[in-house]
Amino acid sequence: MDEADVKAAYAAISESVATFSATLVDYLAGLDSRDREFADNFIAPVLKVSPVKATRLIDSAVELVERHVVFKAMAEGRIDQGKSLMILDLLRTLPVTQAAIVEQALVTHAATNTYSATRQYGVRFIHRLDPKAAERRHAEKHKARLVEKFNLEDGMSSLRLTMTAHDAALSYDRVDRIAKALPKDDRTLDQKRSDVARDLLHGKETPAPQGQTVVYLTMPVTSALGLTDDPGMLTGYGPLPAPLARDIAAGGVWKRILTDPVTGMAEEISDVYRPTAKQRELIAARYPTCTAIGCRQPAHRCDYDHCRPYNGSNTTITNLRPKCRRHHRMKTHTNWQCANGEDGTHTWTTPRGHTYETAPEPIAEPAPF
């Protein structure tokens, strides 16, 4: 067995889901028109699921089969069910013509990239194609904010809050800062975060200094001034609609970041802190997350790792990359290797010789020339 066998087995899952969706749609087409309204009552007892679950399966199958490009890619095992559902969600607010363009672009991207990378690419693509669509989506999703409680086993429950990405980033940063400032004890950091969040929700005083809550947002100055509708980029999340990003930026501390007009990559940051802090800010602007494949840990929570071992003079922008603690240990203590390219790319080589590449993310749209 090797990686190719694992990949083939995983692709077979998507192929099976596509086959099930097509079969279900064909079954629905064969029902008497008077019975289709009650299709869930036909399906639920056969599959031994609830009517609610049956309705979800029917709705998902119909939507998937109607999106021919997504369906074909899934049936061929090129994209999985998670990516398929994400693409369908992004297409919902778009007119027919634009949806067809975006569908093809996202399927092509999803075939060779992770879920998170494709979602971020898709949001940026839609921003460029139809800035107002992003605002419509945000307005619709904002109406769905809520608090949910899920009962778990062994006397435990999970509490989930749905809010704006900005509010969530601020909330998490506050909880994280307090948890990290607590004295060392027998609790893990995750356990401390849970206890801190509980205390805050219960209105209790926390025994640790809270410090200043921080989130990082980048956006072109033309968008900040309202001259264009280019999205802002919230570190650890991705693109935000321009009006929302402007509202957030209005109450923040601004720093100037110069970008390469051809690539949109960060090249220089205003001299606000001592050089080492300036380097960290520029690296975080170029690489907003851990540079391990698929890892989305925000750069400001990562180690800044020397890709080539430190020699006394190579603490440089070209040699440093953000890596979360887990992937920093993987690079240092295992047979994984990494290398930095002159174009800013970061290549990982697995112990079996496979290579994977990550690239810096543009924070501005490249100049149209």
Protein backbone atom coordinates (compact mmCIF):
# COMPACT_ATOMS: atom_id res chain seq x y z
CA MET A 1 0.00 0.00 0.00
CA ASP A 2 1.20 3.54 -0.76
CA GLU A 3 -0.22 7.07 -0.99
CA ALA A 4 -1.78 6.35 -4.39
CA ASP A 5 -3.94 3.61 -2.84
CA VAL A 6 -5.11 5.97 -0.09
CA LYS A 7 -5.91 8.64 -2.69
CA ALA A 8 -7.90 6.16 -4.81
CA ALA A 9 -9.89 4.93 -1.80
CA TYR A 10 -10.72 8.52 -0.82
CA ALA A 11 -11.79 9.36 -4.40
CA ALA A 12 -14.11 6.35 -4.31
CA ILE A 13 -16.06 7.99 -1.46
CA SER A 14 -16.88 10.98 -3.67
CA GLU A 15 -17.76 8.74 -6.59
CA SER A 16 -20.19 6.80 -4.37
CA VAL A 17 -21.86 9.98 -3.09
CA ALA A 18 -22.29 11.19 -6.67
CA THR A 19 -23.77 7.85 -7.68
CA PHE A 20 -26.18 7.97 -4.73
CA SER A 21 -27.21 11.55 -5.64
CA ALA A 22 -27.89 10.64 -9.26
CA THR A 23 -29.85 7.55 -8.17
CA LEU A 24 -31.94 9.58 -5.74
CA VAL A 25 -32.73 12.22 -8.37
CA ASP A 26 -33.75 9.52 -10.84
CA TYR A 27 -35.97 7.98 -8.16
CA LEU A 28 -37.65 11.34 -7.50
CA ALA A 29 -38.27 11.82 -11.23
CA GLY A 30 -40.12 8.51 -11.29
CA LEU A 31 -42.57 9.47 -8.55
CA ASP A 32 -46.06 10.64 -9.34
CA SER A 33 -46.08 14.46 -9.33
CA ARG A 34 -48.57 14.40 -6.44
CA ASP A 35 -46.19 12.30 -4.33
CA ARG A 36 -42.99 14.32 -4.78
CA GLU A 37 -43.95 16.74 -2.03
CA PHE A 38 -43.80 13.82 0.39
CA ALA A 39 -40.63 12.22 -1.00
CA ASP A 40 -38.96 12.35 2.41
CA ASN A 41 -41.60 9.96 3.72
CA PHE A 42 -40.68 7.46 0.99
CA ILE A 43 -36.92 7.73 1.61
CA ALA A 44 -36.73 7.95 5.40
CA PRO A 45 -37.97 4.44 6.27
CA VAL A 46 -35.92 2.84 3.49
CA LEU A 47 -32.66 4.44 4.64
CA LYS A 48 -33.56 4.26 8.33
CA VAL A 49 -33.10 8.01 8.79
CA SER A 50 -35.33 10.77 10.09
CA PRO A 51 -37.59 12.72 7.68
CA VAL A 52 -35.40 15.79 8.32
CA LYS A 53 -32.30 13.84 7.28
CA ALA A 54 -34.13 12.48 4.23
CA THR A 55 -35.11 16.01 3.17
CA ARG A 56 -31.50 17.15 3.46
CA LEU A 57 -30.30 14.24 1.35
CA ILE A 58 -32.91 15.02 -1.32
CA ASP A 59 -32.15 18.75 -1.42
CA SER A 60 -28.40 18.12 -1.57
CA ALA A 61 -28.74 15.53 -4.34
CA VAL A 62 -30.95 17.75 -6.49
CA GLU A 63 -28.66 20.75 -6.15
CA LEU A 64 -25.53 18.69 -6.84
CA VAL A 65 -26.90 17.02 -9.98
CA GLU A 66 -28.08 20.39 -11.34
CA ARG A 67 -24.51 21.74 -11.12
CA HIS A 68 -23.05 19.67 -13.95
CA VAL A 69 -19.41 20.74 -13.58
CA VAL A 70 -19.32 20.11 -9.83
CA PHE A 71 -21.19 16.82 -10.22
CA LYS A 72 -18.85 15.53 -12.95
CA ALA A 73 -15.77 16.39 -10.89
CA MET A 74 -17.19 14.62 -7.87
CA ALA A 75 -18.31 11.58 -9.88
CA GLU A 76 -14.75 11.29 -11.22
CA GLY A 77 -13.28 11.59 -7.72
CA ARG A 78 -11.45 14.85 -8.47
CA ILE A 79 -13.11 16.78 -5.62
CA ASP A 80 -14.68 15.51 -2.41
CA GLN A 81 -18.13 16.09 -0.97
CA GLY A 82 -16.98 18.85 1.38
CA LYS A 83 -15.51 20.91 -1.45
CA SER A 84 -18.58 20.26 -3.60
CA LEU A 85 -20.98 21.56 -0.94
CA MET A 86 -18.75 24.59 -0.31
CA ILE A 87 -18.73 25.47 -4.02
CA LEU A 88 -22.51 25.08 -4.24
CA ASP A 89 -22.89 27.42 -1.27
CA LEU A 90 -20.68 30.08 -2.89
CA LEU A 91 -22.71 29.94 -6.11
CA ARG A 92 -26.13 30.50 -4.54
CA THR A 93 -26.21 34.31 -4.65
CA LEU A 94 -24.81 34.61 -8.19
CA PRO A 95 -26.75 35.15 -11.42
CA VAL A 96 -26.76 32.19 -13.82
CA THR A 97 -24.03 33.48 -16.14
CA GLN A 98 -21.66 34.43 -13.34
CA ALA A 99 -22.35 31.19 -11.47
CA ALA A 100 -21.25 29.18 -14.51
CA ILE A 101 -17.94 31.08 -14.67
CA VAL A 102 -17.26 30.72 -10.95
CA GLU A 103 -18.26 27.03 -10.91
CA GLN A 104 -15.67 26.11 -13.53
CA ALA A 105 -12.94 28.18 -11.87
CA LEU A 106 -13.56 26.74 -8.41
CA VAL A 107 -13.72 23.13 -9.54
CA THR A 108 -10.39 23.56 -11.35
CA HIS A 109 -8.83 25.11 -8.24
CA ALA A 110 -10.36 22.59 -5.82
CA ALA A 111 -8.90 19.64 -7.71
CA THR A 112 -5.36 20.60 -6.63
CA ASN A 113 -5.88 22.62 -3.43
CA THR A 114 -7.32 22.23 0.06
CA TYR A 115 -10.85 23.14 1.13
CA SER A 116 -9.72 26.31 2.94
CA ALA A 117 -7.51 27.49 0.09
CA THR A 118 -10.30 26.92 -2.45
CA ARG A 119 -12.87 28.71 -0.33
CA GLN A 120 -10.58 31.72 0.05
CA TYR A 121 -9.79 31.68 -3.67
CA GLY A 122 -13.51 31.45 -4.44
CA VAL A 123 -14.45 34.37 -2.22
CA ARG A 124 -11.75 36.55 -3.82
CA PHE A 125 -12.84 35.44 -7.30
CA ILE A 126 -16.46 36.37 -6.58
CA HIS A 127 -15.36 39.71 -5.11
CA ARG A 128 -13.63 40.58 -8.36
CA LEU A 129 -16.51 39.33 -10.50
CA ASP A 130 -19.37 40.81 -8.48
CA PRO A 131 -18.44 42.80 -5.31
CA LYS A 132 -22.10 43.23 -4.39
CA ALA A 133 -22.60 39.45 -4.25
CA ALA A 134 -20.21 39.26 -1.29
CA GLU A 135 -22.20 41.95 0.51
CA ARG A 136 -25.45 40.09 -0.16
CA ARG A 137 -23.99 36.86 1.18
CA HIS A 138 -22.69 38.54 4.32
CA ALA A 139 -26.01 40.29 4.98
CA GLU A 140 -27.86 36.98 4.60
CA LYS A 141 -25.43 35.05 6.80
CA HIS A 142 -25.46 37.81 9.42
CA LYS A 143 -29.16 37.19 9.95
CA ALA A 144 -28.35 33.60 10.93
CA ARG A 145 -26.14 34.45 13.94
CA LEU A 146 -27.08 32.35 16.96
CA VAL A 147 -25.93 30.37 19.99
CA GLU A 148 -26.37 26.58 19.95
CA LYS A 149 -25.88 23.93 22.63
CA PHE A 150 -25.10 20.33 21.69
CA ASN A 151 -25.32 17.60 24.30
CA LEU A 152 -22.30 15.28 24.39
CA GLU A 153 -21.65 12.06 26.28
CA ASP A 154 -20.42 11.74 29.85
CA GLY A 155 -21.99 14.88 31.26
CA MET A 156 -20.45 17.27 28.72
CA SER A 157 -21.91 19.74 26.20
CA SER A 158 -20.60 21.88 23.36
CA LEU A 159 -21.56 25.55 23.01
CA ARG A 160 -21.30 27.11 19.55
CA LEU A 161 -21.60 30.81 18.76
CA THR A 162 -22.17 32.01 15.20
CA MET A 163 -21.10 35.65 14.72
CA THR A 164 -19.13 37.81 12.30
CA ALA A 165 -15.58 36.70 11.53
CA HIS A 166 -14.26 39.91 13.07
CA ASP A 167 -16.19 39.42 16.32
CA ALA A 168 -15.08 35.80 16.49
CA ALA A 169 -11.43 36.75 15.95
CA LEU A 170 -11.61 39.38 18.70
CA SER A 171 -13.38 36.99 21.07
CA TYR A 172 -10.91 34.16 20.52
CA ASP A 173 -7.91 36.47 20.83
CA ARG A 174 -9.17 37.76 24.18
CA VAL A 175 -9.79 34.26 25.54
CA ASP A 176 -6.41 33.08 24.21
CA ARG A 177 -4.48 35.99 25.74
CA ILE A 178 -6.05 35.50 29.16
CA ALA A 179 -5.48 31.73 29.07
CA LYS A 180 -1.80 32.13 28.15
CA ALA A 181 -1.28 34.63 30.99
CA LEU A 182 -2.59 32.25 33.65
CA PRO A 183 -0.06 30.62 36.00
CA LYS A 184 1.18 27.17 35.07
CA ASP A 185 -0.90 24.35 36.54
CA ASP A 186 -2.07 20.87 35.54
CA ARG A 187 -4.41 22.19 32.80
CA THR A 188 -3.63 22.21 29.08
CA LEU A 189 -3.96 25.46 27.14
CA ASP A 190 -7.20 24.22 25.55
CA GLN A 191 -8.60 23.48 29.01
CA LYS A 192 -7.60 26.95 30.19
CA ARG A 193 -9.30 28.55 27.19
CA SER A 194 -12.49 26.64 27.96
CA ASP A 195 -12.39 27.71 31.62
CA VAL A 196 -11.68 31.34 30.69
CA ALA A 197 -14.56 31.45 28.19
CA ARG A 198 -16.87 29.94 30.82
CA ASP A 199 -15.83 32.52 33.42
CA LEU A 200 -16.31 35.41 30.98
CA LEU A 201 -19.78 34.19 30.01
CA HIS A 202 -20.67 33.75 33.68
CA GLY A 203 -19.56 37.30 34.46
CA LYS A 204 -16.69 36.20 36.71
CA GLU A 205 -13.44 38.10 37.09
CA THR A 206 -10.42 36.52 35.44
CA PRO A 207 -7.21 36.30 37.49
CA ALA A 208 -4.90 37.13 34.60
CA PRO A 209 -4.16 40.41 32.77
CA GLN A 210 -6.13 40.59 29.54
CA GLY A 211 -3.93 42.88 27.48
CA GLN A 212 -5.00 44.46 24.20
CA THR A 213 -7.17 42.34 21.89
CA VAL A 214 -5.68 42.27 18.39
CA VAL A 215 -6.76 41.15 14.92
CA TYR A 216 -4.91 41.75 11.67
CA LEU A 217 -6.67 43.09 8.59
CA THR A 218 -5.05 44.07 5.29
CA MET A 219 -6.72 45.94 2.44
CA PRO A 220 -5.67 48.17 -0.49
CA VAL A 221 -5.67 51.87 0.33
CA THR A 222 -7.98 52.47 -2.65
CA SER A 223 -10.55 50.20 -1.01
CA ALA A 224 -10.02 51.77 2.41
CA LEU A 225 -10.80 55.16 0.87
CA GLY A 226 -13.90 53.81 -0.88
CA LEU A 227 -12.49 54.23 -4.39
CA THR A 228 -12.72 50.50 -5.16
CA ASP A 229 -14.48 47.48 -3.64
CA ASP A 230 -11.46 45.18 -3.31
CA PRO A 231 -11.94 42.93 -0.25
CA GLY A 232 -10.01 43.18 2.99
CA MET A 233 -8.14 40.11 4.24
CA LEU A 234 -8.72 39.09 7.85
CA THR A 235 -5.76 37.00 9.02
CA GLY A 236 -6.81 33.49 9.97
CA TYR A 237 -10.10 33.83 8.07
CA GLY A 238 -9.77 35.24 4.56
CA PRO A 239 -11.53 37.90 2.43
CA LEU A 240 -14.17 40.22 3.89
CA PRO A 241 -16.54 42.43 1.86
CA ALA A 242 -15.09 45.92 1.39
CA PRO A 243 -17.79 47.79 3.40
CA LEU A 244 -17.30 45.45 6.36
CA ALA A 245 -13.50 45.73 6.15
CA ARG A 246 -13.75 49.54 6.05
CA ASP A 247 -15.90 49.55 9.19
CA ILE A 248 -13.32 47.42 11.00
CA ALA A 249 -10.36 49.47 9.74
CA ALA A 250 -11.97 52.75 10.82
CA GLY A 251 -11.33 51.94 14.48
CA GLY A 252 -7.89 50.37 14.08
CA VAL A 253 -4.22 51.29 13.98
CA TRP A 254 -3.03 51.61 10.37
CA LYS A 255 0.35 50.62 8.98
CA ARG A 256 1.62 51.09 5.45
CA ILE A 257 2.57 47.93 3.54
CA LEU A 258 4.13 48.30 0.10
CA THR A 259 3.26 45.54 -2.39
CA ASP A 260 4.79 44.36 -5.64
CA PRO A 261 2.54 45.80 -8.38
CA VAL A 262 2.93 42.66 -10.53
CA THR A 263 2.24 39.97 -7.91
CA GLY A 264 0.42 41.85 -5.15
CA MET A 265 2.83 40.33 -2.57
CA ALA A 266 3.96 42.32 0.45
CA GLU A 267 7.44 43.78 -0.07
CA GLU A 268 7.98 46.33 2.70
CA ILE A 269 6.23 47.43 5.88
CA SER A 270 6.38 50.81 7.58
CA ASP A 271 9.10 51.06 10.22
CA VAL A 272 7.03 51.02 13.43
CA TYR A 273 8.90 48.54 15.64
CA ARG A 274 12.50 47.41 16.02
CA PRO A 275 13.79 45.41 13.00
CA THR A 276 12.94 41.94 14.35
CA ALA A 277 9.32 42.94 14.92
CA LYS A 278 9.25 44.55 11.48
CA GLN A 279 10.45 41.30 9.94
CA ARG A 280 7.74 39.34 11.75
CA GLU A 281 5.05 41.70 10.48
CA LEU A 282 6.23 41.51 6.89
CA ILE A 283 6.50 37.71 6.98
CA ALA A 284 2.99 37.51 8.45
CA ALA A 285 1.71 39.78 5.67
CA ARG A 286 3.23 37.51 3.02
CA TYR A 287 2.40 34.24 4.76
CA PRO A 288 -0.72 34.81 6.91
CA THR A 289 -0.83 31.17 8.05
CA CYS A 290 1.53 28.31 8.86
CA THR A 291 3.37 27.27 5.68
CA ALA A 292 2.74 23.55 6.20
CA ILE A 293 0.44 22.10 3.54
CA GLY A 294 -3.18 22.79 4.45
CA CYS A 295 -2.47 24.24 7.91
CA ARG A 296 -4.43 27.45 8.63
CA GLN A 297 -2.93 28.39 12.01
CA PRO A 298 -2.56 32.22 11.89
CA ALA A 299 1.03 33.41 11.50
CA HIS A 300 0.96 35.53 14.65
CA ARG A 301 0.45 32.32 16.65
CA CYS A 302 3.29 30.49 14.85
CA ASP A 303 7.04 30.16 15.37
CA TYR A 304 9.19 32.00 12.82
CA ASP A 305 11.38 29.15 11.69
CA HIS A 306 14.78 29.28 9.98
CA CYS A 307 14.32 27.04 6.95
CA ARG A 308 18.10 26.81 6.57
CA PRO A 309 19.70 26.27 10.00
CA TYR A 310 20.70 29.47 11.78
CA ASN A 311 24.32 30.43 11.00
CA GLY A 312 24.52 33.79 12.77
CA SER A 313 23.54 35.90 9.76
CA ASN A 314 20.55 34.30 8.03
CA THR A 315 17.69 35.63 10.15
CA THR A 316 16.26 37.13 6.97
CA ILE A 317 12.92 37.53 5.20
CA THR A 318 13.97 34.96 2.61
CA ASN A 319 14.92 32.34 5.21
CA LEU A 320 12.12 32.73 7.77
CA ARG A 321 8.68 31.14 7.44
CA PRO A 322 5.83 30.85 9.95
CA LYS A 323 5.25 27.31 11.23
CA CYS A 324 2.86 26.32 13.98
CA ARG A 325 4.56 24.53 16.86
CA ARG A 326 3.42 21.09 15.66
CA HIS A 327 4.77 21.53 12.12
CA HIS A 328 7.91 23.22 13.44
CA ARG A 329 8.58 20.03 15.44
CA MET A 330 7.78 17.93 12.36
CA LYS A 331 10.39 19.79 10.33
CA THR A 332 13.01 19.69 13.10
CA HIS A 333 12.61 16.20 14.56
CA THR A 334 11.43 14.00 11.67
CA ASN A 335 12.53 13.10 8.14
CA TRP A 336 10.39 15.84 6.56
CA GLN A 337 12.41 18.57 4.84
CA CYS A 338 11.60 22.06 3.57
CA ALA A 339 13.20 24.62 1.27
CA ASN A 340 12.47 28.21 0.26
CA GLY A 341 12.34 29.27 -3.37
CA GLU A 342 13.55 32.60 -4.72
CA ASP A 343 9.97 33.40 -5.80
CA GLY A 344 8.75 33.11 -2.20
CA THR A 345 7.42 29.56 -2.49
CA HIS A 346 8.00 27.03 0.28
CA THR A 347 8.47 23.38 -0.67
CA TRP A 348 7.99 20.41 1.64
CA THR A 349 9.50 17.00 0.86
CA THR A 350 7.97 13.98 2.61
CA PRO A 351 10.06 11.10 3.97
CA ARG A 352 8.98 9.11 0.88
CA GLY A 353 10.17 11.78 -1.54
CA HIS A 354 6.87 13.44 -2.49
CA THR A 355 7.01 17.24 -2.78
CA TYR A 356 4.32 19.82 -2.01
CA GLU A 357 4.53 23.56 -2.50
CA THR A 358 2.95 26.54 -0.76
CA ALA A 359 3.14 30.08 -2.09
CA PRO A 360 2.88 33.52 -0.48
CA GLU A 361 -0.61 35.02 -0.62
CA PRO A 362 -1.12 38.39 -2.34
CA ILE A 363 -2.71 41.03 -0.11
CA ALA A 364 -3.56 43.28 -3.05
CA GLU A 365 -4.77 42.61 -6.60
CA PRO A 366 -1.88 42.61 -9.12
CA ALA A 367 -1.78 45.63 -11.38
CA PRO A 368 -3.71 45.08 -14.67
CA PHE A 369 -0.71 45.56 -16.97
